[in-house]
C-alpha atoms as a PDB file:
ATOM      1  CA  MET A   1      26.951  11.477  12.131  1.00  0.00           C
ATOM      2  CA  ARG A   2      23.848   9.069  12.596  1.00  0.00           C
ATOM      3  CA  ILE A   3      20.811  10.683  13.256  1.00  0.00           C
ATOM      4  CA  SER A   4      18.350   8.804  14.688  1.00  0.00           C
ATOM      5  CA  HIS A   5      15.137   7.912  13.347  1.00  0.00           C
ATOM      6  CA  SER A   6      13.364  10.109  15.540  1.00  0.00           C
ATOM      7  CA  LEU A   7      15.014  13.069  14.726  1.00  0.00           C
ATOM      8  CA  CYS A   8      14.911  12.707  11.205  1.00  0.00           C
ATOM      9  CA  SER A   9      10.631  12.278  11.848  1.00  0.00           C
ATOM     10  CA  PHE A  10      11.308  15.901  13.799  1.00  0.00           C
ATOM     11  CA  ILE A  11      13.052  17.306  11.784  1.00  0.00           C
ATOM     12  CA  LEU A  12      11.121  16.814   8.373  1.00  0.00           C
ATOM     13  CA  ASP A  13       7.993  17.443   9.959  1.00  0.00           C
ATOM     14  CA  SER A  14       9.360  20.824  10.844  1.00  0.00           C
ATOM     15  CA  ILE A  15      10.108  21.335   7.315  1.00  0.00           C
ATOM     16  CA  TYR A  16       6.269  20.731   6.449  1.00  0.00           C
ATOM     17  CA  ASN A  17       5.026  22.645   8.974  1.00  0.00           C
ATOM     18  CA  MET A  18       7.086  25.551   7.732  1.00  0.00           C
ATOM     19  CA  ASN A  19       7.119  24.841   3.524  1.00  0.00           C
ATOM     20  CA  TYR A  20       4.021  23.875   2.946  1.00  0.00           C
ATOM     21  CA  THR A  21       1.325  24.922   5.182  1.00  0.00           C
ATOM     22  CA  ILE A  22       1.022  28.369   3.559  1.00  0.00           C
ATOM     23  CA  GLY A  23      -2.095  28.530   1.124  1.00  0.00           C
ATOM     24  CA  LYS A  24      -3.492  24.751   1.681  1.00  0.00           C
ATOM     25  CA  PRO A  25      -7.156  24.343   1.682  1.00  0.00           C
ATOM     26  CA  ASN A  26      -7.401  21.459   4.036  1.00  0.00           C
ATOM     27  CA  ARG A  27      -5.451  21.886   7.447  1.00  0.00           C
ATOM     28  CA  LYS A  28      -7.246  19.723   9.335  1.00  0.00           C
ATOM     29  CA  GLU A  29      -5.471  16.437   7.083  1.00  0.00           C
ATOM     30  CA  GLU A  30      -2.546  18.677   6.382  1.00  0.00           C
ATOM     31  CA  LEU A  31      -0.020  15.849   7.061  1.00  0.00           C
ATOM     32  CA  MET A  32      -1.755  12.855   4.774  1.00  0.00           C
ATOM     33  CA  PHE A  33       1.061  10.628   3.570  1.00  0.00           C
ATOM     34  CA  ASP A  34      -0.226   8.492   0.333  1.00  0.00           C
ATOM     35  CA  TYR A  35       1.769   5.725  -0.237  1.00  0.00           C
ATOM     36  CA  HIS A  36       0.364   3.294  -2.702  1.00  0.00           C
ATOM     37  CA  ILE A  37      -1.201   5.164  -5.983  1.00  0.00           C
ATOM     38  CA  HIS A  38      -0.774   4.033  -9.966  1.00  0.00           C
ATOM     39  CA  SER A  39      -0.535   6.817 -12.817  1.00  0.00           C
ATOM     40  CA  THR A  40      -1.167   5.878 -16.258  1.00  0.00           C
ATOM     41  CA  VAL A  41       2.526   4.282 -16.296  1.00  0.00           C
ATOM     42  CA  SER A  42       0.607   1.241 -15.025  1.00  0.00           C
ATOM     43  CA  PHE A  43      -1.736  -1.130 -17.484  1.00  0.00           C
ATOM     44  CA  ASP A  44      -5.062  -0.234 -15.232  1.00  0.00           C
ATOM     45  CA  ALA A  45      -4.659   3.387 -14.339  1.00  0.00           C
ATOM     46  CA  HIS A  46      -6.538   6.337 -15.477  1.00  0.00           C
ATOM     47  CA  SER A  47      -4.649   9.650 -14.287  1.00  0.00           C
ATOM     48  CA  SER A  48      -1.108  11.218 -15.249  1.00  0.00           C
ATOM     49  CA  MET A  49       1.050  11.487 -12.354  1.00  0.00           C
ATOM     50  CA  GLU A  50       1.014  15.520 -12.875  1.00  0.00           C
ATOM     51  CA  ASP A  51      -2.772  15.178 -12.543  1.00  0.00           C
ATOM     52  CA  ILE A  52      -2.463  13.091  -9.459  1.00  0.00           C
ATOM     53  CA  VAL A  53      -0.250  15.148  -7.939  1.00  0.00           C
ATOM     54  CA  GLU A  54      -1.973  18.425  -8.543  1.00  0.00           C
ATOM     55  CA  THR A  55      -5.122  16.902  -6.735  1.00  0.00           C
ATOM     56  CA  ALA A  56      -3.368  15.793  -4.120  1.00  0.00           C
ATOM     57  CA  ARG A  57      -1.964  19.280  -3.479  1.00  0.00           C
ATOM     58  CA  GLU A  58      -5.880  20.567  -3.759  1.00  0.00           C
ATOM     59  CA  LYS A  59      -6.652  18.087  -0.894  1.00  0.00           C
ATOM     60  CA  GLY A  60      -3.947  19.207   1.381  1.00  0.00           C
ATOM     61  CA  VAL A  61      -1.831  15.905   0.620  1.00  0.00           C
ATOM     62  CA  ARG A  62       1.584  16.322   1.887  1.00  0.00           C
ATOM     63  CA  GLU A  63       3.555  13.846   0.467  1.00  0.00           C
ATOM     64  CA  VAL A  64       2.703  11.090  -2.615  1.00  0.00           C
ATOM     65  CA  CYS A  65       4.453   7.754  -3.703  1.00  0.00           C
ATOM     66  CA  PHE A  66       3.575   6.115  -6.964  1.00  0.00           C
ATOM     67  CA  THR A  67       3.663   2.689  -6.551  1.00  0.00           C
ATOM     68  CA  GLU A  68       3.630   0.974 -10.204  1.00  0.00           C
ATOM     69  CA  HIS A  69       2.504  -2.021 -10.667  1.00  0.00           C
ATOM     70  CA  PHE A  70       5.448  -5.298 -11.440  1.00  0.00           C
ATOM     71  CA  ASP A  71       3.236  -7.966 -11.897  1.00  0.00           C
ATOM     72  CA  LEU A  72       4.868 -11.246 -14.367  1.00  0.00           C
ATOM     73  CA  ASN A  73       2.423 -13.970 -15.816  1.00  0.00           C
ATOM     74  CA  PRO A  74      -0.881 -12.421 -15.357  1.00  0.00           C
ATOM     75  CA  PRO A  75      -3.252 -14.914 -16.012  1.00  0.00           C
ATOM     76  CA  VAL A  76      -5.043 -12.597 -18.768  1.00  0.00           C
ATOM     77  CA  GLY A  77      -4.060 -12.659 -22.506  1.00  0.00           C
ATOM     78  CA  ASP A  78      -1.334 -10.446 -23.603  1.00  0.00           C
ATOM     79  CA  THR A  79      -1.917  -7.552 -20.932  1.00  0.00           C
ATOM     80  CA  ARG A  80       1.357  -5.993 -20.118  1.00  0.00           C
ATOM     81  CA  GLN A  81       1.790  -5.783 -16.340  1.00  0.00           C
ATOM     82  CA  ASP A  82       5.669  -5.305 -15.915  1.00  0.00           C
ATOM     83  CA  CYS A  83       6.753  -1.751 -15.616  1.00  0.00           C
ATOM     84  CA  ASP A  84       7.777   0.325 -18.499  1.00  0.00           C
ATOM     85  CA  PHE A  85      10.582   1.716 -16.110  1.00  0.00           C
ATOM     86  CA  SER A  86      11.611   4.365 -19.048  1.00  0.00           C
ATOM     87  CA  LEU A  87       8.251   5.568 -19.492  1.00  0.00           C
ATOM     88  CA  TYR A  88       8.473   5.858 -15.326  1.00  0.00           C
ATOM     89  CA  ARG A  89      11.509   8.148 -15.396  1.00  0.00           C
ATOM     90  CA  ALA A  90      10.068   9.970 -17.811  1.00  0.00           C
ATOM     91  CA  SER A  91       6.547  11.049 -16.325  1.00  0.00           C
ATOM     92  CA  ILE A  92       8.257  10.970 -12.850  1.00  0.00           C
ATOM     93  CA  GLU A  93      11.125  13.872 -13.810  1.00  0.00           C
ATOM     94  CA  LYS A  94       8.383  15.462 -15.646  1.00  0.00           C
ATOM     95  CA  ALA A  95       6.053  15.499 -12.625  1.00  0.00           C
ATOM     96  CA  ARG A  96       8.814  16.623  -9.889  1.00  0.00           C
ATOM     97  CA  GLY A  97       9.900  19.589 -12.446  1.00  0.00           C
ATOM     98  CA  ARG A  98       6.699  20.598 -12.690  1.00  0.00           C
ATOM     99  CA  PHE A  99       5.473  20.449  -8.933  1.00  0.00           C
ATOM    100  CA  ALA A 100       9.171  21.349  -7.622  1.00  0.00           C
ATOM    101  CA  GLY A 101       9.181  21.382  -3.470  1.00  0.00           C
ATOM    102  CA  PHE A 102       6.416  18.677  -3.624  1.00  0.00           C
ATOM    103  CA  PRO A 103       7.851  15.180  -2.541  1.00  0.00           C
ATOM    104  CA  VAL A 104       6.930  12.712  -4.839  1.00  0.00           C
ATOM    105  CA  LYS A 105       8.419   9.632  -4.257  1.00  0.00           C
ATOM    106  CA  LEU A 106       9.237   6.538  -6.232  1.00  0.00           C
ATOM    107  CA  GLY A 107       8.144   3.311  -5.122  1.00  0.00           C
ATOM    108  CA  LEU A 108       6.825  -0.140  -6.714  1.00  0.00           C
ATOM    109  CA  GLU A 109       4.191  -2.462  -6.601  1.00  0.00           C
ATOM    110  CA  LEU A 110       5.637  -5.810  -6.831  1.00  0.00           C
ATOM    111  CA  GLY A 111       2.794  -8.878  -7.066  1.00  0.00           C
ATOM    112  CA  ILE A 112       4.872 -11.663  -6.571  1.00  0.00           C
ATOM    113  CA  VAL A 113       5.037 -15.063  -8.421  1.00  0.00           C
ATOM    114  CA  LEU A 114       7.126 -17.306  -6.408  1.00  0.00           C
ATOM    115  CA  ALA A 115       8.325 -19.091  -9.680  1.00  0.00           C
ATOM    116  CA  ASP A 116       9.530 -15.726 -10.795  1.00  0.00           C
ATOM    117  CA  LEU A 117      11.967 -14.298  -7.690  1.00  0.00           C
ATOM    118  CA  PRO A 118      14.843 -13.391 -10.008  1.00  0.00           C
ATOM    119  CA  ALA A 119      12.486 -10.686 -12.371  1.00  0.00           C
ATOM    120  CA  TYR A 120      11.345  -9.360  -9.086  1.00  0.00           C
ATOM    121  CA  GLU A 121      14.682  -8.747  -7.604  1.00  0.00           C
ATOM    122  CA  ALA A 122      15.874  -6.845 -10.773  1.00  0.00           C
ATOM    123  CA  ALA A 123      13.003  -4.813 -10.994  1.00  0.00           C
ATOM    124  CA  ALA A 124      13.651  -3.436  -7.414  1.00  0.00           C
ATOM    125  CA  LYS A 125      17.030  -2.512  -8.816  1.00  0.00           C
ATOM    126  CA  ALA A 126      15.583  -0.911 -11.743  1.00  0.00           C
ATOM    127  CA  MET A 127      15.472   2.496 -10.602  1.00  0.00           C
ATOM    128  CA  PRO A 128      16.531   3.995  -7.424  1.00  0.00           C
ATOM    129  CA  PHE A 129      13.356   3.933  -5.405  1.00  0.00           C
ATOM    130  CA  ASP A 130      12.470   5.111  -2.282  1.00  0.00           C
ATOM    131  CA  PHE A 131       9.868   2.469  -1.291  1.00  0.00           C
ATOM    132  CA  ILE A 132       8.399  -1.469  -2.238  1.00  0.00           C
ATOM    133  CA  LEU A 133       5.271  -3.021  -2.135  1.00  0.00           C
ATOM    134  CA  CYS A 134       5.121  -6.653  -1.852  1.00  0.00           C
ATOM    135  CA  SER A 135       1.890  -7.540  -3.191  1.00  0.00           C
ATOM    136  CA  GLN A 136      -0.078 -11.369  -3.551  1.00  0.00           C
ATOM    137  CA  HIS A 137      -2.398 -10.987  -7.044  1.00  0.00           C
ATOM    138  CA  VAL A 138      -2.048 -14.288  -8.117  1.00  0.00           C
ATOM    139  CA  VAL A 139      -3.175 -17.191  -6.418  1.00  0.00           C
ATOM    140  CA  ASN A 140      -1.882 -20.718  -7.563  1.00  0.00           C
ATOM    141  CA  GLY A 141      -1.734 -19.256 -11.377  1.00  0.00           C
ATOM    142  CA  LYS A 142      -5.198 -16.843 -10.484  1.00  0.00           C
ATOM    143  CA  ASP A 143      -6.180 -13.348  -9.745  1.00  0.00           C
ATOM    144  CA  PRO A 144      -9.475 -12.643  -8.060  1.00  0.00           C
ATOM    145  CA  TYR A 145      -9.681  -9.470 -10.394  1.00  0.00           C
ATOM    146  CA  TYR A 146      -9.978 -11.260 -13.587  1.00  0.00           C
ATOM    147  CA  GLY A 147     -12.431 -13.976 -11.962  1.00  0.00           C
ATOM    148  CA  GLY A 148     -12.573 -17.743 -11.651  1.00  0.00           C
ATOM    149  CA  PHE A 149     -10.725 -17.762  -8.041  1.00  0.00           C
ATOM    150  CA  PHE A 150     -13.444 -19.131  -6.293  1.00  0.00           C
ATOM    151  CA  ASP A 151     -13.986 -22.362  -8.590  1.00  0.00           C
ATOM    152  CA  ASP A 152     -14.406 -25.781  -6.750  1.00  0.00           C
ATOM    153  CA  LYS A 153     -13.834 -23.620  -3.622  1.00  0.00           C
ATOM    154  CA  THR A 154     -15.477 -22.135  -0.684  1.00  0.00           C
ATOM    155  CA  VAL A 155     -14.239 -18.078   0.070  1.00  0.00           C
ATOM    156  CA  ARG A 156     -13.069 -19.394   3.191  1.00  0.00           C
ATOM    157  CA  GLN A 157     -10.438 -22.341   1.261  1.00  0.00           C
ATOM    158  CA  ALA A 158      -9.186 -19.399  -1.080  1.00  0.00           C
ATOM    159  CA  GLN A 159      -8.408 -17.048   1.727  1.00  0.00           C
ATOM    160  CA  ARG A 160      -6.460 -19.335   3.614  1.00  0.00           C
ATOM    161  CA  GLU A 161      -4.747 -20.307  -0.028  1.00  0.00           C
ATOM    162  CA  TYR A 162      -4.105 -16.522  -0.468  1.00  0.00           C
ATOM    163  CA  LEU A 163      -2.728 -15.833   2.630  1.00  0.00           C
ATOM    164  CA  GLN A 164      -0.241 -19.243   2.812  1.00  0.00           C
ATOM    165  CA  GLU A 165       0.581 -18.069  -0.420  1.00  0.00           C
ATOM    166  CA  LEU A 166       1.766 -14.460   0.621  1.00  0.00           C
ATOM    167  CA  TYR A 167       3.605 -16.092   3.632  1.00  0.00           C
ATOM    168  CA  ASP A 168       5.162 -17.849   1.135  1.00  0.00           C
ATOM    169  CA  SER A 169       6.198 -14.919  -0.879  1.00  0.00           C
ATOM    170  CA  ILE A 170       7.413 -12.915   2.327  1.00  0.00           C
ATOM    171  CA  LYS A 171       9.908 -15.454   3.448  1.00  0.00           C
ATOM    172  CA  SER A 172      10.908 -16.062   0.220  1.00  0.00           C
ATOM    173  CA  PHE A 173      12.071 -12.398  -0.971  1.00  0.00           C
ATOM    174  CA  ASP A 174      13.788  -9.764   0.794  1.00  0.00           C
ATOM    175  CA  ASN A 175      13.779  -6.740  -1.457  1.00  0.00           C
ATOM    176  CA  PHE A 176      10.548  -4.882   0.106  1.00  0.00           C
ATOM    177  CA  ASP A 177       8.975  -2.969   2.625  1.00  0.00           C
ATOM    178  CA  VAL A 178       5.664  -3.209   3.379  1.00  0.00           C
ATOM    179  CA  ALA A 179       3.059  -5.825   2.506  1.00  0.00           C
ATOM    180  CA  GLY A 180       0.455  -4.471   0.595  1.00  0.00           C
ATOM    181  CA  HIS A 181      -3.360  -4.687   1.078  1.00  0.00           C
ATOM    182  CA  ILE A 182      -3.545  -7.603   3.091  1.00  0.00           C
ATOM    183  CA  GLY A 183      -6.866  -9.385   1.933  1.00  0.00           C
ATOM    184  CA  TYR A 184      -6.765  -8.222  -1.372  1.00  0.00           C
ATOM    185  CA  MET A 185      -8.557 -11.075  -3.020  1.00  0.00           C
ATOM    186  CA  ASP A 186     -12.096  -9.976  -0.396  1.00  0.00           C
ATOM    187  CA  LYS A 187     -12.338  -7.180  -2.323  1.00  0.00           C
ATOM    188  CA  TYR A 188     -13.265  -9.284  -5.668  1.00  0.00           C
ATOM    189  CA  VAL A 189     -15.946 -11.708  -4.231  1.00  0.00           C
ATOM    190  CA  GLU A 190     -19.089 -10.109  -6.240  1.00  0.00           C
ATOM    191  CA  ARG A 191     -16.963  -9.837  -9.215  1.00  0.00           C
ATOM    192  CA  ASN A 192     -16.681 -13.544  -8.985  1.00  0.00           C
ATOM    193  CA  GLY A 193     -20.544 -14.075  -8.727  1.00  0.00           C
ATOM    194  CA  LEU A 194     -20.752 -14.597  -5.090  1.00  0.00           C
ATOM    195  CA  ASP A 195     -23.514 -12.990  -2.507  1.00  0.00           C
ATOM    196  CA  PRO A 196     -20.987 -10.831  -0.484  1.00  0.00           C
ATOM    197  CA  ASN A 197     -23.285 -10.521   2.308  1.00  0.00           C
ATOM    198  CA  ALA A 198     -23.482 -14.259   2.914  1.00  0.00           C
ATOM    199  CA  PRO A 199     -22.089 -14.941   6.304  1.00  0.00           C
ATOM    200  CA  GLU A 200     -19.809 -17.351   4.560  1.00  0.00           C
ATOM    201  CA  ASN A 201     -18.310 -15.343   1.966  1.00  0.00           C
ATOM    202  CA  ARG A 202     -17.276 -12.590   4.311  1.00  0.00           C
ATOM    203  CA  PRO A 203     -14.098 -11.070   4.558  1.00  0.00           C
ATOM    204  CA  PHE A 204     -11.736 -13.000   6.390  1.00  0.00           C
ATOM    205  CA  ALA A 205     -11.077 -11.134   9.979  1.00  0.00           C
ATOM    206  CA  TYR A 206      -8.006 -11.974  12.437  1.00  0.00           C
ATOM    207  CA  ASP A 207     -10.210 -14.617  14.272  1.00  0.00           C
ATOM    208  CA  ASP A 208     -10.748 -16.579  10.961  1.00  0.00           C
ATOM    209  CA  PHE A 209      -7.469 -17.476  10.700  1.00  0.00           C
ATOM    210  CA  PRO A 210      -5.083 -16.404  13.928  1.00  0.00           C
ATOM    211  CA  ALA A 211      -1.918 -18.941  13.461  1.00  0.00           C
ATOM    212  CA  LEU A 212      -1.535 -18.255   9.938  1.00  0.00           C
ATOM    213  CA  LEU A 213      -1.943 -14.827  10.564  1.00  0.00           C
ATOM    214  CA  ASP A 214       0.278 -14.453  13.191  1.00  0.00           C
ATOM    215  CA  ASP A 215       3.187 -16.250  11.529  1.00  0.00           C
ATOM    216  CA  ILE A 216       2.446 -13.596   8.343  1.00  0.00           C
ATOM    217  CA  LEU A 217       2.727 -10.380  10.925  1.00  0.00           C
ATOM    218  CA  ARG A 218       5.842 -12.166  12.961  1.00  0.00           C
ATOM    219  CA  LEU A 219       7.654 -12.676   9.986  1.00  0.00           C
ATOM    220  CA  LEU A 220       6.913  -9.088   8.680  1.00  0.00           C
ATOM    221  CA  ILE A 221       8.279  -7.620  12.247  1.00  0.00           C
ATOM    222  CA  LYS A 222      11.620 -10.298  12.016  1.00  0.00           C
ATOM    223  CA  LYS A 223      12.542  -8.965   8.799  1.00  0.00           C
ATOM    224  CA  ASN A 224      11.629  -4.987  10.083  1.00  0.00           C
ATOM    225  CA  LYS A 225       8.514  -4.891   7.309  1.00  0.00           C
ATOM    226  CA  GLY A 226       5.594  -3.150   7.775  1.00  0.00           C
ATOM    227  CA  ILE A 227       2.240  -3.582   6.925  1.00  0.00           C
ATOM    228  CA  GLU A 228       0.238  -1.240   4.667  1.00  0.00           C
ATOM    229  CA  VAL A 229      -3.473   0.310   5.873  1.00  0.00           C
ATOM    230  CA  ASN A 230      -5.164   0.230   2.644  1.00  0.00           C
ATOM    231  CA  THR A 231      -8.219   2.419   2.435  1.00  0.00           C
ATOM    232  CA  SER A 232      -9.393   1.698  -1.073  1.00  0.00           C
ATOM    233  CA  THR A 233     -12.087  -0.547   0.563  1.00  0.00           C
ATOM    234  CA  TYR A 234     -13.732   1.930   2.554  1.00  0.00           C
ATOM    235  CA  ASP A 235     -16.723   2.457   0.952  1.00  0.00           C
ATOM    236  CA  ALA A 236     -17.487  -1.238   0.065  1.00  0.00           C
ATOM    237  CA  PHE A 237     -16.497  -2.307   4.163  1.00  0.00           C
ATOM    238  CA  SER A 238     -16.420   0.830   5.963  1.00  0.00           C
ATOM    239  CA  ARG A 239     -12.826  -0.253   6.964  1.00  0.00           C
ATOM    240  CA  PRO A 240      -9.710  -0.402   5.433  1.00  0.00           C
ATOM    241  CA  LEU A 241      -7.683  -3.697   4.704  1.00  0.00           C
ATOM    242  CA  PRO A 242      -6.494  -5.296   6.235  1.00  0.00           C
ATOM    243  CA  HIS A 243      -9.083  -6.069   8.526  1.00  0.00           C
ATOM    244  CA  PRO A 244      -8.795  -3.885  11.977  1.00  0.00           C
ATOM    245  CA  GLY A 245      -8.289  -6.628  14.297  1.00  0.00           C
ATOM    246  CA  ILE A 246      -5.426  -7.854  12.188  1.00  0.00           C
ATOM    247  CA  ILE A 247      -3.781  -4.249  12.343  1.00  0.00           C
ATOM    248  CA  ARG A 248      -4.136  -4.471  15.833  1.00  0.00           C
ATOM    249  CA  ARG A 249      -2.554  -7.862  16.403  1.00  0.00           C
ATOM    250  CA  TYR A 250       0.191  -6.471  14.138  1.00  0.00           C
ATOM    251  CA  ALA A 251       0.714  -3.924  17.188  1.00  0.00           C
ATOM    252  CA  GLU A 252       0.442  -6.025  20.071  1.00  0.00           C
ATOM    253  CA  LEU A 253       2.919  -8.311  18.727  1.00  0.00           C
ATOM    254  CA  GLY A 254       5.449  -5.115  18.307  1.00  0.00           C
ATOM    255  CA  GLY A 255       4.815  -3.980  15.082  1.00  0.00           C
ATOM    256  CA  LYS A 256       5.963  -0.606  14.583  1.00  0.00           C
ATOM    257  CA  ILE A 257       6.041   0.076  10.484  1.00  0.00           C
ATOM    258  CA  VAL A 258       2.942   1.141   9.094  1.00  0.00           C
ATOM    259  CA  THR A 259       1.906   2.926   5.527  1.00  0.00           C
ATOM    260  CA  THR A 260      -0.858   4.343   4.466  1.00  0.00           C
ATOM    261  CA  GLY A 261      -2.109   3.826   0.910  1.00  0.00           C
ATOM    262  CA  SER A 262      -5.143   4.789  -1.247  1.00  0.00           C
ATOM    263  CA  ASP A 263      -4.421   2.112  -4.201  1.00  0.00           C
ATOM    264  CA  ALA A 264      -5.970   4.950  -6.279  1.00  0.00           C
ATOM    265  CA  HIS A 265      -5.890   4.619 -10.191  1.00  0.00           C
ATOM    266  CA  ARG A 266      -7.467   7.949 -10.667  1.00  0.00           C
ATOM    267  CA  ALA A 267      -6.466  11.529  -9.470  1.00  0.00           C
ATOM    268  CA  SER A 268      -9.724  11.601  -7.444  1.00  0.00           C
ATOM    269  CA  GLU A 269      -9.051   8.513  -5.131  1.00  0.00           C
ATOM    270  CA  VAL A 270      -5.918  10.114  -3.817  1.00  0.00           C
ATOM    271  CA  GLY A 271      -6.054  10.907  -0.164  1.00  0.00           C
ATOM    272  CA  ARG A 272      -9.496   8.901   0.438  1.00  0.00           C
ATOM    273  CA  SER A 273     -10.347   8.027   3.918  1.00  0.00           C
ATOM    274  CA  PHE A 274      -7.123   8.913   5.451  1.00  0.00           C
ATOM    275  CA  SER A 275      -8.597  10.694   8.635  1.00  0.00           C
ATOM    276  CA  GLU A 276     -10.666   7.644   9.360  1.00  0.00           C
ATOM    277  CA  ALA A 277      -7.316   5.499   8.545  1.00  0.00           C
ATOM    278  CA  TYR A 278      -5.432   7.777  10.890  1.00  0.00           C
ATOM    279  CA  GLN A 279      -7.487   7.618  13.762  1.00  0.00           C
ATOM    280  CA  LEU A 280      -8.042   3.544  13.546  1.00  0.00           C
ATOM    281  CA  LEU A 281      -4.169   3.557  13.942  1.00  0.00           C
ATOM    282  CA  LEU A 282      -4.181   5.677  16.898  1.00  0.00           C
ATOM    283  CA  ASP A 283      -7.242   3.162  18.447  1.00  0.00           C
ATOM    284  CA  CYS A 284      -5.345  -0.284  17.263  1.00  0.00           C
ATOM    285  CA  GLY A 285      -2.498   1.136  19.826  1.00  0.00           C
ATOM    286  CA  PHE A 286       0.249   3.385  16.557  1.00  0.00           C
ATOM    287  CA  SER A 287       1.702   6.496  17.545  1.00  0.00           C
ATOM    288  CA  HIS A 288       3.155   7.336  14.459  1.00  0.00           C
ATOM    289  CA  VAL A 289       2.908   6.739  10.362  1.00  0.00           C
ATOM    290  CA  CYS A 290       5.981   6.368   8.463  1.00  0.00           C
ATOM    291  CA  THR A 291       7.114   7.315   5.044  1.00  0.00           C
ATOM    292  CA  TYR A 292       9.863   6.248   3.017  1.00  0.00           C
ATOM    293  CA  THR A 293      13.177   8.077   1.579  1.00  0.00           C
ATOM    294  CA  ASN A 294      15.910   5.450  -0.084  1.00  0.00           C
ATOM    295  CA  ARG A 295      14.178   2.254   1.182  1.00  0.00           C
ATOM    296  CA  GLN A 296      14.509   3.990   5.327  1.00  0.00           C
ATOM    297  CA  PRO A 297      11.494   4.685   7.124  1.00  0.00           C
ATOM    298  CA  VAL A 298      10.914   8.099   8.201  1.00  0.00           C
ATOM    299  CA  PHE A 299       8.281   7.803  11.389  1.00  0.00           C
ATOM    300  CA  HIS A 300       5.633  10.536  11.714  1.00  0.00           C
ATOM    301  CA  LYS A 301       3.236  11.399  14.784  1.00  0.00           C
ATOM    302  CA  LEU A 302      -0.286  10.540  13.769  1.00  0.00           C
ATOM    303  CA  GLU A 303      -0.987  13.204  16.234  1.00  0.00           C
ATOM    304  CA  HIS A 304      -0.157  15.782  13.565  1.00  0.00           C
ATOM    305  CA  CYS A 305      -2.112  13.985  10.535  1.00  0.00           C
ATOM    306  CA  LEU A 306      -5.097  14.527  12.974  1.00  0.00           C
ATOM    307  CA  ARG A 307      -5.103  17.788  14.256  1.00  0.00           C
ATOM    308  CA  GLY A 308      -7.367  20.800  13.199  1.00  0.00           C
END
């Protein structure tokens, strides 16, 4: 017998309510789902999986998904940015064993480089992943995190190049579930020596590239892929990635699949600004937020994420 997504969502929400509300200190956010987290399995993170899960439980996060990095051809020295899958497997088994009954999902963040698509396809099959993010970190051989990204071009030109490469990656690669942190490059304008408060350097909104963004969003919808609301920029921008206008446009075009992720690289960052993100999703026209099991979305009512 096939079970519909709506029935599956109802069953899972009921189980959550019965099994995980007792003793949780933060009932207002008791249905937070953090689907973008990095542990020390990733090259740039600072907390172990066990510390992250423990902190998540203390904050009232209901479910976590680790999305460890897999990036090839990084534009910096010999820094290892692919994933040690043996270490990943051992770490998640240890965390699941310690926190039995708490959902700890297995995910991966693919930093797509078009020249290496076969390797990314192999990585997506390396473990029985629940969830895979497709992210654009490198554009024309450069990652804005490391500087030099805006050399010989304006911020607007660099943003267009980023979006075009993201579109090409989504068009060329299928083995993912959600597009991660659309607008990633805007996080690092100041890191590249530019004034982030100058009008010409501001993060892009939907109205800056409407045709190109529509192409990206329509392609995601056509492929039954979602977008991530990434809360890592609330401190800097007072909003998530992507810009709320882009989130709203995805809903207007018929997009339904949306996940929330803190992009935590430290345990303290898990679940950050999720109340604001869930309210924003409601304001943009969404009624549900998604988790994933075995690469299939499960829809949860946003009203449950915001109840007191």
